Amino acid sequence: MASTRNKAEDDDTVPDQILDAARELVLAVGVTRTTATDVARKAGISRMTFYRRFADMQRVLADLLTRELSALIAAAALEVDAKANARQRLCSVALGVVRGLADDELFARVLDVDPELLLPYVIDRTGASQWIVLSAITRALADGRGDGSIRPCELEPVARTVLLTVQSFVLSARILVRESNPEAAFAELGLLLDRYLAP
């Protein structure tokens, strides 16, 4: 008996097509007004194909924000001085991500239209994107302990402290832009992280 699945359903590019379509729609109308039907139509796939790849729109949004953040981390890492020690690399990437998120149109759109969607990840639980950042920070801390650039410390609480500190700047970036000198504030964040982590 022939399979009823079509080639599009097996295409490895389908998840990215879905995320690309969701990104366009979120930028246009916000998260809460973006439906699975709209995303499937925009991606040129059936709703059945959509649901084979993603359980719901919440999963799509989580993966979309994770993809966006991962790209920002990768871009920030490319700007790091190859001769820098682990502490310097961590501080540089953290600042790069804060700056990137402050200018990111998707994140700005979520904050403008659907900010309540981010609240659970601030006061209630750690989201997938935050776990990615925590893992990256933990690895950087371990590298820094190894090369002597970061003080002896317990990795998990220090990683979480760095995350929460950086996260506060990300969520308040628009206040800095409107009411302060953002570059001066970012420089102070770099100094704060550097001195907190230094031996």
C-alpha atoms as a PDB file:
ATOM      1  CA  MET A   1       0.000   0.000   0.000  1.00  0.00           C
ATOM      2  CA  ALA A   2       1.430   3.381  -1.044  1.00  0.00           C
ATOM      3  CA  SER A   3       2.223   5.964   1.625  1.00  0.00           C
ATOM      4  CA  THR A   4      -0.153   8.878   1.876  1.00  0.00           C
ATOM      5  CA  ARG A   5       2.649  11.193   3.028  1.00  0.00           C
ATOM      6  CA  ASN A   6       3.842  13.621   0.383  1.00  0.00           C
ATOM      7  CA  LYS A   7       7.395  14.778  -0.234  1.00  0.00           C
ATOM      8  CA  ALA A   8       6.794  18.115   1.487  1.00  0.00           C
ATOM      9  CA  GLU A   9       6.041  16.352   4.762  1.00  0.00           C
ATOM     10  CA  ASP A  10       9.408  14.604   4.694  1.00  0.00           C
ATOM     11  CA  ASP A  11      11.402  17.651   3.584  1.00  0.00           C
ATOM     12  CA  ASP A  12      14.005  18.654   6.184  1.00  0.00           C
ATOM     13  CA  THR A  13      13.445  22.315   5.301  1.00  0.00           C
ATOM     14  CA  VAL A  14       9.804  22.266   6.440  1.00  0.00           C
ATOM     15  CA  PRO A  15      10.518  23.286  10.065  1.00  0.00           C
ATOM     16  CA  ASP A  16      12.494  26.302   8.859  1.00  0.00           C
ATOM     17  CA  GLN A  17       9.758  27.148   6.354  1.00  0.00           C
ATOM     18  CA  ILE A  18       7.279  27.123   9.212  1.00  0.00           C
ATOM     19  CA  LEU A  19       9.508  29.258  11.427  1.00  0.00           C
ATOM     20  CA  ASP A  20      10.192  31.700   8.582  1.00  0.00           C
ATOM     21  CA  ALA A  21       6.471  32.034   7.906  1.00  0.00           C
ATOM     22  CA  ALA A  22       5.718  32.460  11.611  1.00  0.00           C
ATOM     23  CA  ARG A  23       8.369  35.162  11.884  1.00  0.00           C
ATOM     24  CA  GLU A  24       6.847  37.153   9.027  1.00  0.00           C
ATOM     25  CA  LEU A  25       3.378  36.882  10.533  1.00  0.00           C
ATOM     26  CA  VAL A  26       4.481  37.777  14.059  1.00  0.00           C
ATOM     27  CA  LEU A  27       6.217  40.861  12.692  1.00  0.00           C
ATOM     28  CA  ALA A  28       3.036  41.781  10.832  1.00  0.00           C
ATOM     29  CA  VAL A  29       0.312  41.066  13.397  1.00  0.00           C
ATOM     30  CA  GLY A  30       1.920  39.904  16.659  1.00  0.00           C
ATOM     31  CA  VAL A  31       2.000  36.522  18.338  1.00  0.00           C
ATOM     32  CA  THR A  32      -1.549  36.139  19.623  1.00  0.00           C
ATOM     33  CA  ARG A  33      -3.066  36.959  16.233  1.00  0.00           C
ATOM     34  CA  THR A  34      -0.847  34.471  14.394  1.00  0.00           C
ATOM     35  CA  THR A  35      -2.590  31.127  13.936  1.00  0.00           C
ATOM     36  CA  ALA A  36      -1.396  27.708  12.822  1.00  0.00           C
ATOM     37  CA  THR A  37      -3.670  27.978   9.784  1.00  0.00           C
ATOM     38  CA  ASP A  38      -2.092  31.305   8.808  1.00  0.00           C
ATOM     39  CA  VAL A  39       1.421  29.932   9.271  1.00  0.00           C
ATOM     40  CA  ALA A  40       0.686  26.793   7.240  1.00  0.00           C
ATOM     41  CA  ARG A  41      -0.780  28.886   4.438  1.00  0.00           C
ATOM     42  CA  LYS A  42       2.167  31.280   4.480  1.00  0.00           C
ATOM     43  CA  ALA A  43       4.631  28.369   4.467  1.00  0.00           C
ATOM     44  CA  GLY A  44       2.808  26.702   1.577  1.00  0.00           C
ATOM     45  CA  ILE A  45       2.034  23.511   3.489  1.00  0.00           C
ATOM     46  CA  SER A  46      -1.064  21.793   4.828  1.00  0.00           C
ATOM     47  CA  ARG A  47      -2.231  22.153   8.422  1.00  0.00           C
ATOM     48  CA  MET A  48      -1.611  18.413   8.815  1.00  0.00           C
ATOM     49  CA  THR A  49       2.022  18.910   7.828  1.00  0.00           C
ATOM     50  CA  PHE A  50       2.256  21.800  10.281  1.00  0.00           C
ATOM     51  CA  TYR A  51       0.981  19.643  13.159  1.00  0.00           C
ATOM     52  CA  ARG A  52       3.322  16.794  12.233  1.00  0.00           C
ATOM     53  CA  ARG A  53       6.222  19.172  12.893  1.00  0.00           C
ATOM     54  CA  PHE A  54       4.890  21.316  15.749  1.00  0.00           C
ATOM     55  CA  ALA A  55       2.385  20.528  18.483  1.00  0.00           C
ATOM     56  CA  ASP A  56       1.009  24.071  18.565  1.00  0.00           C
ATOM     57  CA  MET A  57       1.824  27.741  18.045  1.00  0.00           C
ATOM     58  CA  GLN A  58       3.432  27.956  21.490  1.00  0.00           C
ATOM     59  CA  ARG A  59       6.039  25.425  20.358  1.00  0.00           C
ATOM     60  CA  VAL A  60       6.560  27.379  17.135  1.00  0.00           C
ATOM     61  CA  LEU A  61       7.129  30.602  19.067  1.00  0.00           C
ATOM     62  CA  ALA A  62       9.548  28.907  21.471  1.00  0.00           C
ATOM     63  CA  ASP A  63      11.559  27.450  18.595  1.00  0.00           C
ATOM     64  CA  LEU A  64      11.435  30.739  16.707  1.00  0.00           C
ATOM     65  CA  LEU A  65      12.812  32.717  19.644  1.00  0.00           C
ATOM     66  CA  THR A  66      15.420  30.006  20.274  1.00  0.00           C
ATOM     67  CA  ARG A  67      16.544  30.176  16.649  1.00  0.00           C
ATOM     68  CA  GLU A  68      16.720  33.972  16.795  1.00  0.00           C
ATOM     69  CA  LEU A  69      18.733  33.922  20.014  1.00  0.00           C
ATOM     70  CA  SER A  70      21.090  31.198  18.771  1.00  0.00           C
ATOM     71  CA  ALA A  71      21.857  33.296  15.687  1.00  0.00           C
ATOM     72  CA  LEU A  72      22.618  36.323  17.873  1.00  0.00           C
ATOM     73  CA  ILE A  73      24.925  34.276  20.108  1.00  0.00           C
ATOM     74  CA  ALA A  74      26.748  32.912  17.059  1.00  0.00           C
ATOM     75  CA  ALA A  75      27.104  36.412  15.578  1.00  0.00           C
ATOM     76  CA  ALA A  76      28.404  37.810  18.872  1.00  0.00           C
ATOM     77  CA  ALA A  77      30.907  34.945  19.182  1.00  0.00           C
ATOM     78  CA  LEU A  78      32.336  35.794  15.752  1.00  0.00           C
ATOM     79  CA  GLU A  79      33.263  39.263  17.023  1.00  0.00           C
ATOM     80  CA  VAL A  80      35.340  37.969  19.937  1.00  0.00           C
ATOM     81  CA  ASP A  81      39.092  38.496  19.896  1.00  0.00           C
ATOM     82  CA  ALA A  82      40.705  35.120  19.253  1.00  0.00           C
ATOM     83  CA  LYS A  83      43.395  35.921  21.853  1.00  0.00           C
ATOM     84  CA  ALA A  84      40.895  36.743  24.595  1.00  0.00           C
ATOM     85  CA  ASN A  85      40.661  34.590  27.696  1.00  0.00           C
ATOM     86  CA  ALA A  86      37.437  32.824  28.658  1.00  0.00           C
ATOM     87  CA  ARG A  87      36.224  35.639  30.932  1.00  0.00           C
ATOM     88  CA  GLN A  88      36.781  38.243  28.225  1.00  0.00           C
ATOM     89  CA  ARG A  89      35.014  36.042  25.671  1.00  0.00           C
ATOM     90  CA  LEU A  90      32.030  35.518  27.957  1.00  0.00           C
ATOM     91  CA  CYS A  91      31.677  39.234  28.696  1.00  0.00           C
ATOM     92  CA  SER A  92      32.062  40.117  25.021  1.00  0.00           C
ATOM     93  CA  VAL A  93      29.449  37.617  23.857  1.00  0.00           C
ATOM     94  CA  ALA A  94      27.048  38.671  26.629  1.00  0.00           C
ATOM     95  CA  LEU A  95      27.296  42.312  25.558  1.00  0.00           C
ATOM     96  CA  GLY A  96      26.954  41.359  21.902  1.00  0.00           C
ATOM     97  CA  VAL A  97      23.756  39.434  22.615  1.00  0.00           C
ATOM     98  CA  VAL A  98      22.304  42.290  24.709  1.00  0.00           C
ATOM     99  CA  ARG A  99      23.024  44.752  21.906  1.00  0.00           C
ATOM    100  CA  GLY A 100      21.661  42.324  19.323  1.00  0.00           C
ATOM    101  CA  LEU A 101      18.425  41.738  21.197  1.00  0.00           C
ATOM    102  CA  ALA A 102      17.995  45.472  21.749  1.00  0.00           C
ATOM    103  CA  ASP A 103      17.965  45.874  17.949  1.00  0.00           C
ATOM    104  CA  ASP A 104      16.175  42.626  17.065  1.00  0.00           C
ATOM    105  CA  GLU A 105      12.889  43.298  15.253  1.00  0.00           C
ATOM    106  CA  LEU A 106      11.222  40.038  16.282  1.00  0.00           C
ATOM    107  CA  PHE A 107      11.968  40.476  19.972  1.00  0.00           C
ATOM    108  CA  ALA A 108      10.928  44.134  19.769  1.00  0.00           C
ATOM    109  CA  ARG A 109       7.629  43.131  18.167  1.00  0.00           C
ATOM    110  CA  VAL A 110       6.873  40.633  20.927  1.00  0.00           C
ATOM    111  CA  LEU A 111       7.641  43.283  23.559  1.00  0.00           C
ATOM    112  CA  ASP A 112       5.471  45.844  21.751  1.00  0.00           C
ATOM    113  CA  VAL A 113       2.424  43.696  21.057  1.00  0.00           C
ATOM    114  CA  ASP A 114       2.484  40.629  23.322  1.00  0.00           C
ATOM    115  CA  PRO A 115       4.826  41.355  26.278  1.00  0.00           C
ATOM    116  CA  GLU A 116       2.727  39.217  28.621  1.00  0.00           C
ATOM    117  CA  LEU A 117       3.955  36.136  26.747  1.00  0.00           C
ATOM    118  CA  LEU A 118       7.441  36.698  28.165  1.00  0.00           C
ATOM    119  CA  LEU A 119       6.306  37.148  31.760  1.00  0.00           C
ATOM    120  CA  PRO A 120       6.288  33.426  32.695  1.00  0.00           C
ATOM    121  CA  TYR A 121       9.963  33.220  31.706  1.00  0.00           C
ATOM    122  CA  VAL A 122      10.786  36.115  34.005  1.00  0.00           C
ATOM    123  CA  ILE A 123       8.864  35.142  37.127  1.00  0.00           C
ATOM    124  CA  ASP A 124       7.843  31.494  36.867  1.00  0.00           C
ATOM    125  CA  ARG A 125      10.069  29.163  34.843  1.00  0.00           C
ATOM    126  CA  THR A 126      13.136  28.835  32.652  1.00  0.00           C
ATOM    127  CA  GLY A 127      12.332  28.623  28.945  1.00  0.00           C
ATOM    128  CA  ALA A 128      14.124  26.721  26.187  1.00  0.00           C
ATOM    129  CA  SER A 129      16.041  29.803  25.024  1.00  0.00           C
ATOM    130  CA  GLN A 130      17.152  30.526  28.571  1.00  0.00           C
ATOM    131  CA  TRP A 131      18.385  26.956  29.005  1.00  0.00           C
ATOM    132  CA  ILE A 132      20.513  27.370  25.873  1.00  0.00           C
ATOM    133  CA  VAL A 133      22.031  30.546  27.316  1.00  0.00           C
ATOM    134  CA  LEU A 134      22.573  28.916  30.728  1.00  0.00           C
ATOM    135  CA  SER A 135      24.400  26.018  29.085  1.00  0.00           C
ATOM    136  CA  ALA A 136      26.595  28.382  27.081  1.00  0.00           C
ATOM    137  CA  ILE A 137      27.406  30.454  30.170  1.00  0.00           C
ATOM    138  CA  THR A 138      28.176  27.325  32.204  1.00  0.00           C
ATOM    139  CA  ARG A 139      30.599  26.090  29.533  1.00  0.00           C
ATOM    140  CA  ALA A 140      32.278  29.501  29.417  1.00  0.00           C
ATOM    141  CA  LEU A 141      32.614  29.532  33.217  1.00  0.00           C
ATOM    142  CA  ALA A 142      34.185  26.089  33.167  1.00  0.00           C
ATOM    143  CA  ASP A 143      36.636  27.247  30.483  1.00  0.00           C
ATOM    144  CA  GLY A 144      37.434  30.314  32.577  1.00  0.00           C
ATOM    145  CA  ARG A 145      38.113  28.285  35.678  1.00  0.00           C
ATOM    146  CA  GLY A 146      40.378  26.133  33.542  1.00  0.00           C
ATOM    147  CA  ASP A 147      42.446  29.019  32.141  1.00  0.00           C
ATOM    148  CA  GLY A 148      42.431  30.918  35.459  1.00  0.00           C
ATOM    149  CA  SER A 149      40.536  33.944  34.143  1.00  0.00           C
ATOM    150  CA  ILE A 150      37.412  33.226  36.221  1.00  0.00           C
ATOM    151  CA  ARG A 151      37.433  32.843  39.998  1.00  0.00           C
ATOM    152  CA  PRO A 152      36.802  29.417  41.557  1.00  0.00           C
ATOM    153  CA  CYS A 153      33.027  29.135  41.836  1.00  0.00           C
ATOM    154  CA  GLU A 154      30.066  26.795  41.734  1.00  0.00           C
ATOM    155  CA  LEU A 155      28.981  26.892  38.099  1.00  0.00           C
ATOM    156  CA  GLU A 156      25.181  26.710  38.289  1.00  0.00           C
ATOM    157  CA  PRO A 157      24.418  29.635  40.622  1.00  0.00           C
ATOM    158  CA  VAL A 158      26.998  31.864  38.959  1.00  0.00           C
ATOM    159  CA  ALA A 159      25.685  31.009  35.487  1.00  0.00           C
ATOM    160  CA  ARG A 160      22.152  31.802  36.597  1.00  0.00           C
ATOM    161  CA  THR A 161      23.268  35.090  38.166  1.00  0.00           C
ATOM    162  CA  VAL A 162      24.929  36.108  34.899  1.00  0.00           C
ATOM    163  CA  LEU A 163      21.807  35.134  32.955  1.00  0.00           C
ATOM    164  CA  LEU A 164      19.459  37.114  35.206  1.00  0.00           C
ATOM    165  CA  THR A 165      21.746  40.148  35.115  1.00  0.00           C
ATOM    166  CA  VAL A 166      21.979  40.115  31.325  1.00  0.00           C
ATOM    167  CA  GLN A 167      18.251  39.367  31.012  1.00  0.00           C
ATOM    168  CA  SER A 168      17.376  42.475  33.014  1.00  0.00           C
ATOM    169  CA  PHE A 169      19.324  44.615  30.540  1.00  0.00           C
ATOM    170  CA  VAL A 170      17.627  42.904  27.592  1.00  0.00           C
ATOM    171  CA  LEU A 171      14.138  43.500  28.974  1.00  0.00           C
ATOM    172  CA  SER A 172      14.963  47.096  29.888  1.00  0.00           C
ATOM    173  CA  ALA A 173      16.887  47.996  26.728  1.00  0.00           C
ATOM    174  CA  ARG A 174      14.158  50.325  25.469  1.00  0.00           C
ATOM    175  CA  ILE A 175      14.256  52.260  28.747  1.00  0.00           C
ATOM    176  CA  LEU A 176      18.011  52.685  28.303  1.00  0.00           C
ATOM    177  CA  VAL A 177      17.528  53.901  24.729  1.00  0.00           C
ATOM    178  CA  ARG A 178      14.820  56.386  25.693  1.00  0.00           C
ATOM    179  CA  GLU A 179      16.091  57.642  29.035  1.00  0.00           C
ATOM    180  CA  SER A 180      19.822  57.069  29.187  1.00  0.00           C
ATOM    181  CA  ASN A 181      22.991  56.492  27.193  1.00  0.00           C
ATOM    182  CA  PRO A 182      22.689  52.836  26.157  1.00  0.00           C
ATOM    183  CA  GLU A 183      26.323  52.426  25.144  1.00  0.00           C
ATOM    184  CA  ALA A 184      27.487  53.770  28.503  1.00  0.00           C
ATOM    185  CA  ALA A 185      25.075  51.399  30.268  1.00  0.00           C
ATOM    186  CA  PHE A 186      26.278  48.447  28.172  1.00  0.00           C
ATOM    187  CA  ALA A 187      29.864  49.350  29.039  1.00  0.00           C
ATOM    188  CA  GLU A 188      28.920  49.318  32.727  1.00  0.00           C
ATOM    189  CA  LEU A 189      27.312  45.900  32.258  1.00  0.00           C
ATOM    190  CA  GLY A 190      30.567  44.656  30.769  1.00  0.00           C
ATOM    191  CA  LEU A 191      32.496  46.051  33.724  1.00  0.00           C
ATOM    192  CA  LEU A 192      30.009  44.548  36.194  1.00  0.00           C
ATOM    193  CA  LEU A 193      30.311  41.070  34.637  1.00  0.00           C
ATOM    194  CA  ASP A 194      34.078  41.289  34.313  1.00  0.00           C
ATOM    195  CA  ARG A 195      34.625  42.255  37.945  1.00  0.00           C
ATOM    196  CA  TYR A 196      32.053  39.753  39.212  1.00  0.00           C
ATOM    197  CA  LEU A 197      33.814  36.893  37.434  1.00  0.00           C
ATOM    198  CA  ALA A 198      37.447  37.944  37.873  1.00  0.00           C
ATOM    199  CA  PRO A 199      39.683  35.987  40.278  1.00  0.00           C
END
